[in-house]
Amino acid sequence: MFTGSLSCDLLLGDVRSLKEKRSVVRPIVAELHRKYAVSVAEVGDQDLYRRARIGLAVVSGDMGHLTDVLDRCERLLAGRPEVELLSVRRQIHGEDDE
């Protein structure tokens, strides 16, 4: 069994309030969950209206599948015109990790 996670720091475009931020972040979170069956949530910077931190996790029995899903999720975020992907932190753990 392998587990992988991404922590993605996003800069939001023309957002002037926390309400506008939710209207940008929620559809992204929902699309990642729907398309890739990952566990995903906004995990940081909730009080900053132009920044968002999205965290997601995947569990798979195959390392190739795991990295493919993480790559696709990262590409989806990088391709969204309303956000700029500032940084991504990727962690992968296998059965042999302690």
C-alpha atoms as a PDB file:
ATOM      1  CA  MET A   1       0.000   0.000   0.000  1.00  0.00           C
ATOM      2  CA  PHE A   2       1.188   3.498  -0.874  1.00  0.00           C
ATOM      3  CA  THR A   3      -0.085   6.855   0.338  1.00  0.00           C
ATOM      4  CA  GLY A   4       0.629  10.162  -1.302  1.00  0.00           C
ATOM      5  CA  SER A   5      -0.224  13.736  -0.544  1.00  0.00           C
ATOM      6  CA  LEU A   6       0.074  17.157  -2.124  1.00  0.00           C
ATOM      7  CA  SER A   7       0.072  20.479  -0.324  1.00  0.00           C
ATOM      8  CA  CYS A   8      -0.510  23.220  -2.883  1.00  0.00           C
ATOM      9  CA  ASP A   9      -0.120  26.942  -2.265  1.00  0.00           C
ATOM     10  CA  LEU A  10      -2.363  28.988  -4.564  1.00  0.00           C
ATOM     11  CA  LEU A  11      -2.545  32.681  -5.365  1.00  0.00           C
ATOM     12  CA  LEU A  12      -6.080  33.637  -6.335  1.00  0.00           C
ATOM     13  CA  GLY A  13      -6.733  36.140  -9.097  1.00  0.00           C
ATOM     14  CA  ASP A  14      -9.236  38.976  -8.812  1.00  0.00           C
ATOM     15  CA  VAL A  15     -10.673  38.104  -5.392  1.00  0.00           C
ATOM     16  CA  ARG A  16     -11.664  40.857  -2.955  1.00  0.00           C
ATOM     17  CA  SER A  17     -13.419  39.004  -0.143  1.00  0.00           C
ATOM     18  CA  LEU A  18     -13.569  35.664   1.644  1.00  0.00           C
ATOM     19  CA  LYS A  19     -16.939  35.037  -0.005  1.00  0.00           C
ATOM     20  CA  GLU A  20     -15.379  35.437  -3.474  1.00  0.00           C
ATOM     21  CA  LYS A  21     -12.517  33.191  -2.351  1.00  0.00           C
ATOM     22  CA  ARG A  22     -14.987  30.426  -1.450  1.00  0.00           C
ATOM     23  CA  SER A  23     -16.601  30.758  -4.879  1.00  0.00           C
ATOM     24  CA  VAL A  24     -13.199  30.027  -6.471  1.00  0.00           C
ATOM     25  CA  VAL A  25     -11.835  27.381  -4.073  1.00  0.00           C
ATOM     26  CA  ARG A  26     -14.949  25.219  -3.591  1.00  0.00           C
ATOM     27  CA  PRO A  27     -15.343  24.296  -7.289  1.00  0.00           C
ATOM     28  CA  ILE A  28     -11.642  23.383  -7.488  1.00  0.00           C
ATOM     29  CA  VAL A  29     -11.899  21.141  -4.423  1.00  0.00           C
ATOM     30  CA  ALA A  30     -15.085  19.532  -5.781  1.00  0.00           C
ATOM     31  CA  GLU A  31     -13.547  18.910  -9.217  1.00  0.00           C
ATOM     32  CA  LEU A  32     -10.435  17.259  -7.762  1.00  0.00           C
ATOM     33  CA  HIS A  33     -12.616  14.994  -5.612  1.00  0.00           C
ATOM     34  CA  ARG A  34     -15.000  14.122  -8.441  1.00  0.00           C
ATOM     35  CA  LYS A  35     -12.423  13.554 -11.206  1.00  0.00           C
ATOM     36  CA  TYR A  36      -9.716  11.745  -9.254  1.00  0.00           C
ATOM     37  CA  ALA A  37     -11.468  10.289  -6.158  1.00  0.00           C
ATOM     38  CA  VAL A  38      -8.966  11.927  -3.813  1.00  0.00           C
ATOM     39  CA  SER A  39      -9.530  13.264  -0.329  1.00  0.00           C
ATOM     40  CA  VAL A  40      -9.158  17.016  -0.672  1.00  0.00           C
ATOM     41  CA  ALA A  41      -9.788  20.142   1.399  1.00  0.00           C
ATOM     42  CA  GLU A  42      -8.721  23.714   1.906  1.00  0.00           C
ATOM     43  CA  VAL A  43      -6.189  23.273   4.710  1.00  0.00           C
ATOM     44  CA  GLY A  44      -4.617  26.668   5.265  1.00  0.00           C
ATOM     45  CA  ASP A  45      -4.686  30.410   4.734  1.00  0.00           C
ATOM     46  CA  GLN A  46      -8.440  30.496   5.388  1.00  0.00           C
ATOM     47  CA  ASP A  47      -8.247  34.080   6.652  1.00  0.00           C
ATOM     48  CA  LEU A  48      -6.362  35.403   3.588  1.00  0.00           C
ATOM     49  CA  TYR A  49      -8.660  36.136   0.676  1.00  0.00           C
ATOM     50  CA  ARG A  50      -6.053  35.985  -2.115  1.00  0.00           C
ATOM     51  CA  ARG A  51      -4.233  32.861  -0.909  1.00  0.00           C
ATOM     52  CA  ALA A  52      -5.359  29.275  -0.458  1.00  0.00           C
ATOM     53  CA  ARG A  53      -3.655  26.072   0.585  1.00  0.00           C
ATOM     54  CA  ILE A  54      -5.216  22.911  -0.832  1.00  0.00           C
ATOM     55  CA  GLY A  55      -4.270  19.536   0.611  1.00  0.00           C
ATOM     56  CA  LEU A  56      -5.079  16.212  -0.976  1.00  0.00           C
ATOM     57  CA  ALA A  57      -4.333  12.576  -0.245  1.00  0.00           C
ATOM     58  CA  VAL A  58      -4.439   9.342  -2.235  1.00  0.00           C
ATOM     59  CA  VAL A  59      -4.122   5.696  -1.225  1.00  0.00           C
ATOM     60  CA  SER A  60      -3.235   3.057  -3.821  1.00  0.00           C
ATOM     61  CA  GLY A  61      -1.832  -0.431  -4.063  1.00  0.00           C
ATOM     62  CA  ASP A  62       0.284   0.577  -7.077  1.00  0.00           C
ATOM     63  CA  MET A  63       3.025   3.228  -6.956  1.00  0.00           C
ATOM     64  CA  GLY A  64       2.593   4.036 -10.660  1.00  0.00           C
ATOM     65  CA  HIS A  65      -1.107   4.729 -10.236  1.00  0.00           C
ATOM     66  CA  LEU A  66      -0.429   6.868  -7.176  1.00  0.00           C
ATOM     67  CA  THR A  67       2.106   9.099  -8.917  1.00  0.00           C
ATOM     68  CA  ASP A  68      -0.147   9.355 -11.985  1.00  0.00           C
ATOM     69  CA  VAL A  69      -3.071  10.612  -9.863  1.00  0.00           C
ATOM     70  CA  LEU A  70      -0.856  13.118  -8.027  1.00  0.00           C
ATOM     71  CA  ASP A  71       0.567  14.360 -11.349  1.00  0.00           C
ATOM     72  CA  ARG A  72      -2.929  14.798 -12.802  1.00  0.00           C
ATOM     73  CA  CYS A  73      -4.110  16.717  -9.749  1.00  0.00           C
ATOM     74  CA  GLU A  74      -1.096  19.009  -9.922  1.00  0.00           C
ATOM     75  CA  ARG A  75      -1.657  19.631 -13.653  1.00  0.00           C
ATOM     76  CA  LEU A  76      -5.328  20.429 -13.035  1.00  0.00           C
ATOM     77  CA  LEU A  77      -4.375  23.062 -10.469  1.00  0.00           C
ATOM     78  CA  ALA A  78      -1.618  24.502 -12.666  1.00  0.00           C
ATOM     79  CA  GLY A  79      -4.020  24.750 -15.595  1.00  0.00           C
ATOM     80  CA  ARG A  80      -6.749  26.697 -13.800  1.00  0.00           C
ATOM     81  CA  PRO A  81      -6.774  30.262 -15.177  1.00  0.00           C
ATOM     82  CA  GLU A  82      -8.242  31.815 -12.019  1.00  0.00           C
ATOM     83  CA  VAL A  83      -5.362  30.690  -9.773  1.00  0.00           C
ATOM     84  CA  GLU A  84      -1.577  30.657  -9.887  1.00  0.00           C
ATOM     85  CA  LEU A  85       0.116  27.587  -8.451  1.00  0.00           C
ATOM     86  CA  LEU A  86       2.921  29.002  -6.290  1.00  0.00           C
ATOM     87  CA  SER A  87       4.324  25.820  -4.782  1.00  0.00           C
ATOM     88  CA  VAL A  88       3.620  22.125  -4.368  1.00  0.00           C
ATOM     89  CA  ARG A  89       4.908  19.827  -1.652  1.00  0.00           C
ATOM     90  CA  ARG A  90       4.596  16.129  -2.472  1.00  0.00           C
ATOM     91  CA  GLN A  91       4.999  13.295   0.000  1.00  0.00           C
ATOM     92  CA  ILE A  92       4.815   9.572  -0.766  1.00  0.00           C
ATOM     93  CA  HIS A  93       4.955   6.792   1.795  1.00  0.00           C
ATOM     94  CA  GLY A  94       5.177   3.058   1.193  1.00  0.00           C
ATOM     95  CA  GLU A  95       4.690   0.008   3.383  1.00  0.00           C
ATOM     96  CA  ASP A  96       8.388  -0.068   4.240  1.00  0.00           C
ATOM     97  CA  ASP A  97       8.395   3.479   5.627  1.00  0.00           C
ATOM     98  CA  GLU A  98       8.344   3.896   9.369  1.00  0.00           C
END
